[in-house]
Structures are given as C-alpha cells and as structure tokens.
N, C-alpha and C. Protein backbone atom coordinates (compact mmCIF):
# COMPACT_ATOMS: atom_id res chain seq x y z
N UNK A 1 0.87 -1.23 0.00
CA UNK A 1 -0.19 0.19 -0.10
C UNK A 1 0.55 1.32 0.12
N UNK A 2 1.01 2.27 -0.76
CA UNK A 2 1.77 3.26 -0.94
C UNK A 2 1.04 4.40 -0.15
N UNK A 3 1.73 5.31 0.42
CA UNK A 3 1.68 6.43 1.35
C UNK A 3 2.21 8.35 0.67
N UNK A 4 1.88 9.05 0.82
CA UNK A 4 2.56 10.12 0.54
C UNK A 4 4.29 10.01 1.26
N UNK A 5 4.92 10.90 0.87
CA UNK A 5 6.22 11.04 1.04
C UNK A 5 6.47 12.31 0.70
N UNK A 6 7.38 12.96 1.56
CA UNK A 6 8.02 14.42 1.22
C UNK A 6 8.98 14.84 2.32
N UNK A 7 9.75 15.18 1.16
CA UNK A 7 11.77 15.24 1.76
C UNK A 7 11.75 16.48 1.14
N UNK A 8 12.23 17.66 2.21
CA UNK A 8 12.34 18.85 2.18
C UNK A 8 13.56 19.83 3.19
N UNK A 9 14.05 20.13 2.01
CA UNK A 9 15.21 21.10 2.85
C UNK A 9 14.64 22.77 3.06
N UNK A 10 15.33 23.43 3.94
CA UNK A 10 14.90 24.97 4.01
C UNK A 10 15.19 25.58 2.32
N UNK A 11 15.86 25.41 1.40
CA UNK A 11 15.94 25.28 0.18
C UNK A 11 14.97 25.14 -0.64
N UNK A 12 14.61 23.92 -0.88
CA UNK A 12 13.48 23.40 -1.56
C UNK A 12 12.94 21.78 -1.47
N UNK A 13 12.10 21.53 -2.30
CA UNK A 13 11.66 20.18 -1.86
C UNK A 13 11.99 19.26 -2.60
N UNK A 14 12.91 18.24 -2.02
CA UNK A 14 13.90 17.39 -2.59
C UNK A 14 13.18 16.34 -3.81
N UNK A 15 12.00 15.84 -2.78
CA UNK A 15 11.59 14.42 -3.36
C UNK A 15 9.64 14.57 -3.00
N UNK A 16 8.79 14.51 -3.37
CA UNK A 16 7.26 14.35 -3.35
C UNK A 16 6.80 13.22 -4.10
N UNK A 17 6.41 12.51 -3.66
CA UNK A 17 5.46 10.96 -4.25
C UNK A 17 4.60 10.22 -3.64
N UNK A 18 4.99 8.98 -4.25
CA UNK A 18 4.29 8.01 -3.46
C UNK A 18 5.04 6.98 -3.29
N UNK A 19 4.76 6.36 -2.01
CA UNK A 19 6.08 5.72 -1.45
C UNK A 19 5.62 3.86 -0.90
N UNK A 20 5.90 3.02 -0.61
CA UNK A 20 5.60 1.90 -0.24
C UNK A 20 6.62 2.12 1.02
N UNK A 21 7.70 2.33 1.46
CA UNK A 21 8.62 2.61 2.46
C UNK A 21 9.40 3.37 2.30
N UNK A 22 10.22 4.21 3.70
CA UNK A 22 10.82 5.03 3.58
C UNK A 22 11.96 4.60 4.76
N UNK A 23 13.57 4.45 4.67
CA UNK A 23 14.35 3.85 5.21
C UNK A 23 14.97 4.76 5.99
N UNK A 24 15.18 5.40 7.32
CA UNK A 24 15.96 6.13 8.00
C UNK A 24 16.82 5.88 9.04
N UNK A 25 17.87 6.55 9.60
CA UNK A 25 18.49 6.00 10.73
C UNK A 25 18.03 7.35 11.64
N UNK A 26 17.90 7.19 12.87
CA UNK A 26 17.50 8.15 13.85
C UNK A 26 18.58 7.55 15.17
N UNK A 27 18.94 9.18 15.93
CA UNK A 27 19.24 9.10 16.81
C UNK A 27 19.30 8.53 17.71
N UNK A 28 19.78 7.48 18.04
CA UNK A 28 19.81 6.69 19.59
C UNK A 28 18.37 5.20 18.83
N UNK A 29 17.84 5.50 17.92
CA UNK A 29 17.16 4.39 17.51
C UNK A 29 17.54 3.78 16.44
N UNK A 30 18.65 3.71 15.77
CA UNK A 30 19.08 3.18 14.91
C UNK A 30 18.48 3.30 13.51
N UNK A 31 18.50 2.13 12.24
CA UNK A 31 17.66 2.48 11.13
C UNK A 31 16.30 2.15 11.67
N UNK A 32 15.08 2.31 11.08
CA UNK A 32 14.05 2.05 10.90
C UNK A 32 12.96 2.02 9.76
N UNK A 33 12.22 1.20 9.28
CA UNK A 33 11.59 1.66 8.32
C UNK A 33 10.05 1.55 8.26
N UNK A 34 9.75 2.60 7.55
CA UNK A 34 8.31 3.21 7.89
C UNK A 34 7.39 2.51 6.75
N UNK A 35 6.35 1.64 7.16
CA UNK A 35 5.60 1.64 5.95
C UNK A 35 4.30 2.14 5.96
N UNK A 36 2.95 2.19 4.93
CA UNK A 36 1.99 2.45 5.54
C UNK A 36 1.22 2.27 6.50
N UNK A 37 0.44 2.87 7.29
CA UNK A 37 -0.19 2.85 8.70
C UNK A 37 0.82 2.55 9.87
N UNK A 38 2.10 3.20 9.51
CA UNK A 38 2.92 3.34 10.74
C UNK A 38 2.27 3.58 11.60
N UNK A 39 2.69 3.70 13.32
CA UNK A 39 2.15 4.56 14.22
C UNK A 39 2.85 5.78 14.35
N UNK A 40 2.12 7.12 14.29
CA UNK A 40 2.56 8.40 14.50
C UNK A 40 3.97 8.15 15.08
N UNK A 41 4.92 9.07 14.79
CA UNK A 41 6.70 9.12 14.64
C UNK A 41 7.47 10.38 14.54
N UNK A 42 8.26 10.63 15.64
CA UNK A 42 8.86 11.86 15.19
C UNK A 42 10.22 11.58 15.75
N UNK A 43 11.22 11.79 14.77
CA UNK A 43 12.46 11.16 15.36
C UNK A 43 13.83 11.97 14.94
N UNK A 44 15.11 12.14 14.99
CA UNK A 44 16.10 12.92 15.05
C UNK A 44 16.92 12.13 14.02
N UNK A 45 17.50 12.46 13.17
CA UNK A 45 18.01 12.36 11.81
C UNK A 45 19.23 12.19 11.88
N UNK A 46 20.27 11.23 11.99
CA UNK A 46 22.26 11.46 12.24
C UNK A 46 22.46 11.48 10.76
N UNK A 47 23.49 11.59 10.89
CA UNK A 47 24.26 11.89 8.95
C UNK A 47 24.24 9.88 8.55
N UNK A 48 23.11 10.14 7.77
CA UNK A 48 23.04 8.61 7.37
C UNK A 48 22.34 8.78 5.81
N UNK A 49 22.34 7.66 5.11
CA UNK A 49 21.23 7.74 4.10
C UNK A 49 19.75 7.31 4.26
N UNK A 50 19.08 7.86 3.46
CA UNK A 50 17.78 7.52 3.79
C UNK A 50 17.09 7.37 2.35
N UNK A 51 16.30 5.97 2.06
CA UNK A 51 15.79 5.66 1.11
C UNK A 51 14.28 5.50 1.33
N UNK A 52 14.19 5.78 -0.22
CA UNK A 52 12.24 5.66 -0.11
C UNK A 52 12.38 5.07 -1.47
N UNK A 53 10.94 3.72 -0.93
CA UNK A 53 10.74 2.79 -2.17
C UNK A 53 9.90 3.35 -2.62
N UNK A 54 9.76 3.77 -3.99
CA UNK A 54 8.32 4.22 -4.90
C UNK A 54 7.68 3.41 -5.17
N UNK A 55 6.48 3.38 -5.01
CA UNK A 55 5.59 2.94 -5.55
C UNK A 55 5.28 2.04 -6.62
N UNK A 56 6.03 2.36 -7.81
CA UNK A 56 6.60 1.45 -8.85
C UNK A 56 7.49 0.61 -8.68
N UNK A 57 8.02 0.57 -7.53
CA UNK A 57 9.65 -0.35 -7.26
C UNK A 57 10.41 0.35 -7.31
N UNK A 58 10.89 1.40 -7.99
CA UNK A 58 12.57 1.98 -7.87
C UNK A 58 13.07 2.65 -6.54
N UNK A 59 14.04 2.83 -6.14
CA UNK A 59 14.42 3.06 -4.66
C UNK A 59 15.48 4.38 -4.73
N UNK A 60 14.52 5.74 -4.06
CA UNK A 60 15.71 7.02 -4.13
C UNK A 60 16.56 6.91 -2.92
N UNK A 61 17.80 7.38 -3.13
CA UNK A 61 18.31 7.69 -2.07
C UNK A 61 18.99 8.77 -2.03
N UNK A 62 19.15 9.49 -0.64
CA UNK A 62 19.45 10.89 -0.19
C UNK A 62 20.67 10.39 1.09
N UNK A 63 21.24 11.64 0.73
CA UNK A 63 22.35 11.88 1.70
C UNK A 63 21.89 13.04 2.83
N UNK A 64 21.66 12.64 4.13
CA UNK A 64 21.35 13.28 5.09
C UNK A 64 22.09 14.06 5.66
N UNK A 65 22.01 15.11 6.16
CA UNK A 65 23.67 15.28 7.56
C UNK A 65 22.97 15.69 8.52
N UNK A 66 21.65 16.01 8.78
CA UNK A 66 20.42 16.12 10.08
C UNK A 66 19.52 16.62 9.34
N UNK A 67 18.34 16.15 10.63
CA UNK A 67 17.34 16.72 10.25
C UNK A 67 16.26 15.75 11.41
N UNK A 68 14.61 15.76 10.65
CA UNK A 68 13.83 14.91 11.53
C UNK A 68 13.03 14.26 10.87
N UNK A 69 12.87 12.99 10.94
CA UNK A 69 11.62 12.52 10.31
C UNK A 69 10.25 12.02 10.61
N UNK A 70 9.18 12.83 10.12
CA UNK A 70 7.99 12.69 10.91
C UNK A 70 6.67 11.67 10.34
N UNK A 71 6.00 10.73 10.92
CA UNK A 71 5.31 10.17 10.27
C UNK A 71 3.87 10.10 11.01
N UNK A 72 2.98 10.19 9.99
CA UNK A 72 1.45 9.78 10.40
C UNK A 72 1.28 8.74 9.48
N UNK A 73 -0.18 8.11 10.21
CA UNK A 73 -0.39 6.75 9.56
C UNK A 73 -0.49 7.11 7.67
N UNK A 74 -0.64 7.90 7.07
CA UNK A 74 -0.38 8.22 5.41
C UNK A 74 0.32 9.03 4.94
N UNK A 75 1.52 9.30 5.69
CA UNK A 75 2.34 10.36 5.23
C UNK A 75 4.05 10.23 5.94
N UNK A 76 5.13 10.39 5.44
CA UNK A 76 6.18 10.17 5.81
C UNK A 76 7.01 11.82 5.40
N UNK A 77 7.26 12.21 6.17
CA UNK A 77 8.12 13.66 5.76
C UNK A 77 9.49 13.68 6.80
N UNK A 78 10.31 13.95 5.78
CA UNK A 78 11.60 14.47 6.41
C UNK A 78 12.01 15.71 5.98
N UNK A 79 12.44 16.34 6.88
CA UNK A 79 13.01 17.59 7.07
C UNK A 79 14.50 17.61 7.50
N UNK A 80 14.96 18.16 6.70
CA UNK A 80 16.33 18.24 6.78
C UNK A 80 17.16 19.53 6.32
N UNK A 81 17.82 20.09 6.88
CA UNK A 81 18.61 21.12 6.74
C UNK A 81 19.72 21.17 5.74
N UNK A 82 20.32 20.02 5.74
CA UNK A 82 21.35 19.92 4.34
C UNK A 82 20.90 18.53 3.65
N UNK A 83 20.53 17.94 3.08
CA UNK A 83 20.57 16.98 2.23
C UNK A 83 20.68 17.00 0.06
N UNK A 84 20.68 15.90 -0.02
CA UNK A 84 21.11 15.91 -1.42
C UNK A 84 20.62 14.63 -1.67
N UNK A 85 20.27 14.59 -3.00
CA UNK A 85 19.77 13.22 -3.63
C UNK A 85 20.89 12.80 -4.38
N UNK A 86 21.27 11.44 -4.05
CA UNK A 86 22.21 10.37 -4.59
C UNK A 86 22.84 10.95 -5.67
N UNK A 87 21.88 10.96 -6.72
CA UNK A 87 22.02 11.16 -8.31
C UNK A 87 22.55 13.08 -8.18
N UNK A 88 22.39 13.47 -7.10
CA UNK A 88 23.30 14.99 -7.48
C UNK A 88 24.40 14.82 -6.61
N UNK A 89 25.05 14.03 -5.80
CA UNK A 89 25.82 14.39 -5.20
C UNK A 89 27.19 14.90 -6.06
N UNK A 90 27.79 16.13 -5.28
CA UNK A 90 29.36 16.39 -5.71
C UNK A 90 30.18 15.43 -5.57
N UNK A 91 31.13 14.64 -6.24
CA UNK A 91 31.76 13.95 -5.50
C UNK A 91 33.43 14.72 -5.50
N UNK A 92 33.68 15.47 -6.41
CA UNK A 92 34.67 16.39 -6.12
C UNK A 92 34.51 17.20 -4.43
N UNK A 93 33.29 18.18 -4.44
CA UNK A 93 33.07 18.67 -3.20
C UNK A 93 33.64 17.89 -2.43
N UNK A 94 32.75 16.64 -2.39
CA UNK A 94 32.63 15.45 -0.68
C UNK A 94 34.07 15.12 -0.68
N UNK A 95 35.14 14.95 -1.66
CA UNK A 95 36.33 14.98 -1.33
C UNK A 95 37.29 15.59 -0.85
N UNK A 96 36.69 17.22 -1.41
CA UNK A 96 37.50 18.26 -1.09
C UNK A 96 36.86 17.97 0.83
N UNK A 97 35.88 18.49 1.15
CA UNK A 97 35.60 18.13 2.24
C UNK A 97 36.24 16.94 3.46
N UNK A 98 36.12 16.03 2.55
CA UNK A 98 37.12 14.99 3.11
C UNK A 98 38.54 15.30 3.61
N UNK A 99 38.90 15.94 2.96
CA UNK A 99 40.56 16.41 3.24
C UNK A 99 40.37 17.26 4.08
N UNK A 100 39.68 17.94 3.82
CA UNK A 100 39.60 19.13 4.91
C UNK A 100 39.28 18.50 6.74
N UNK A 101 38.36 17.13 6.57
CA UNK A 101 37.96 17.32 7.72
C UNK A 101 39.28 16.03 8.54
N UNK A 102 39.60 15.37 7.35
CA UNK A 102 40.77 14.67 8.22
C UNK A 102 41.92 15.66 8.59
N UNK A 103 41.97 16.75 7.70
CA UNK A 103 43.22 17.66 8.08
C UNK A 103 42.82 18.19 9.47
N UNK A 104 41.57 18.44 9.91
CA UNK A 104 41.51 19.13 10.96
C UNK A 104 41.24 17.91 12.30
N UNK A 105 41.35 16.42 11.82
CA UNK A 105 41.50 15.36 13.08
C UNK A 105 42.87 15.28 13.18
N UNK A 106 43.79 15.47 11.98
CA UNK A 106 45.08 15.26 12.55
C UNK A 106 45.34 16.10 13.90
N UNK A 107 45.26 17.08 13.90
CA UNK A 107 45.65 17.95 15.23
C UNK A 107 44.57 17.97 16.13
N UNK A 108 43.37 17.34 16.09
CA UNK A 108 42.66 16.62 16.90
C UNK A 108 41.53 16.02 16.83
N UNK A 109 42.17 14.38 17.40
CA UNK A 109 41.30 13.80 16.81
C UNK A 109 40.00 13.42 17.30
N UNK A 110 39.38 14.12 18.44
CA UNK A 110 38.16 14.24 18.91
C UNK A 110 37.26 15.47 18.83
N UNK A 111 37.83 16.29 17.61
CA UNK A 111 37.15 17.60 17.38
C UNK A 111 36.06 16.82 16.77
N UNK A 112 34.73 17.08 17.52
CA UNK A 112 33.35 16.41 16.88
C UNK A 112 32.52 17.10 15.40
N UNK A 113 33.15 18.39 15.59
CA UNK A 113 32.72 18.93 14.30
C UNK A 113 33.40 18.77 13.27
N UNK A 114 34.50 17.95 13.15
CA UNK A 114 35.38 17.49 12.13
C UNK A 114 34.94 15.93 12.53
N UNK A 115 34.66 15.55 13.05
CA UNK A 115 34.02 14.11 12.91
C UNK A 115 32.65 14.27 12.10
N UNK A 116 32.00 14.75 12.29
CA UNK A 116 30.90 15.17 12.12
C UNK A 116 31.10 15.20 10.43
N UNK A 117 31.30 16.21 9.98
CA UNK A 117 31.96 16.49 9.07
C UNK A 117 32.72 15.10 7.97
N UNK A 118 33.96 14.46 8.80
CA UNK A 118 34.04 13.77 7.85
C UNK A 118 33.25 12.09 7.49
N UNK A 119 32.36 12.09 8.48
CA UNK A 119 30.71 11.26 8.23
C UNK A 119 30.20 11.75 7.30
N UNK A 120 29.77 12.84 6.84
CA UNK A 120 29.15 13.74 5.64
C UNK A 120 29.80 13.61 4.84
N UNK A 121 31.00 13.69 4.78
CA UNK A 121 31.96 13.31 2.87
C UNK A 121 32.12 11.93 2.75
N UNK A 122 32.23 11.10 3.82
CA UNK A 122 32.22 9.59 3.57
C UNK A 122 31.17 9.04 2.84
N UNK A 123 30.03 10.08 3.64
CA UNK A 123 28.42 9.15 3.46
C UNK A 123 28.36 9.47 1.92
N UNK A 124 28.51 10.78 0.92
CA UNK A 124 28.21 11.63 0.05
C UNK A 124 28.74 10.52 -0.77
N UNK A 125 30.14 10.52 -0.60
CA UNK A 125 31.11 9.75 -1.37
C UNK A 125 30.76 8.16 -1.37
N UNK A 126 30.31 7.05 -0.94
CA UNK A 126 29.78 6.35 -0.59
C UNK A 126 28.54 6.25 -1.55
N UNK A 127 27.65 6.88 -1.31
CA UNK A 127 26.67 6.89 -2.14
C UNK A 127 26.59 7.55 -3.45
N UNK A 128 27.85 8.51 -3.86
CA UNK A 128 28.04 8.50 -4.95
C UNK A 128 28.42 7.76 -5.77
N UNK A 129 29.46 6.95 -5.49
CA UNK A 129 30.27 5.56 -6.27
C UNK A 129 29.69 4.31 -5.94
N UNK A 130 28.08 4.29 -4.90
CA UNK A 130 27.32 3.25 -5.24
C UNK A 130 28.55 1.92 -4.09
N UNK A 131 29.22 2.04 -3.32
CA UNK A 131 30.50 1.19 -2.90
C UNK A 131 29.34 1.20 -1.36
N UNK A 132 29.71 0.24 -0.92
CA UNK A 132 29.23 -0.59 0.37
C UNK A 132 29.63 0.16 1.03
N UNK A 133 29.15 0.20 2.82
CA UNK A 133 29.31 0.98 3.80
C UNK A 133 30.38 0.29 4.31
C-alpha cells in the first residue's frame, strides 16, 4: 500500500511522491523502516542515507546531514537542513570536504565538528560511487 512521502530542506522540496517504504537512521534508535499505517512517530536523524521505495518499485536515495522524520499513518515527511539526492552528489566537493575534515582530525582526533564533517563527506562519496558501507 502506497503513502505520501515528502522530503524537504529549507531551500527546496527534494522529493514528493508516493512510496511503499521509507528507511531512515535515527539518533539513538538505529535504522527504522516506515510502511503505510505506521504508528505516529517523530525522530531526529543522524548523518546517514534515507531510502524511499517508490510505489513503482524504484528506490531513491538521499544523503542526510541531519534533520527530522515525521510519520503519520498516511504520510512520511523528512525535514533536513542539509540533504542531497544521491544522483546529485558532487564527488569533488565531497572529496575536498573529506580532506579538510581529515586535516582537522590530525591536530585533534576528538574534534566533534570534524568527525561529523568526515562522516558527511564519506557518506556522500559512498552513495555517489555505490560503494558498500
């Protein structure tokens, strides 16, 4: 059974359509799949991939820096301050971001900001190249 899926950021609507499943990774909750009729839910997203399985069977993938997922029985909404469809990832920018993060971590391996930047760059590179996690 299909349900409405909206994926938005402050600048634009990244996706709007019908889906049969949305898979996201929430902080403290791990990976969770949402299907039609799912109990209402709100969760905070960590740096991760969000996958939308469309009613026609195709899966769309998004790199998410952070945000929230809101679920009602008939709609899943992903709100993210920074997200990009896997098909639109700029690998050169992701590689440059990774180099900057790694340089910052060389001087302070516990730098929380640099660790998040590193995860964000690595996620984009993994999704862009189709490499396994």
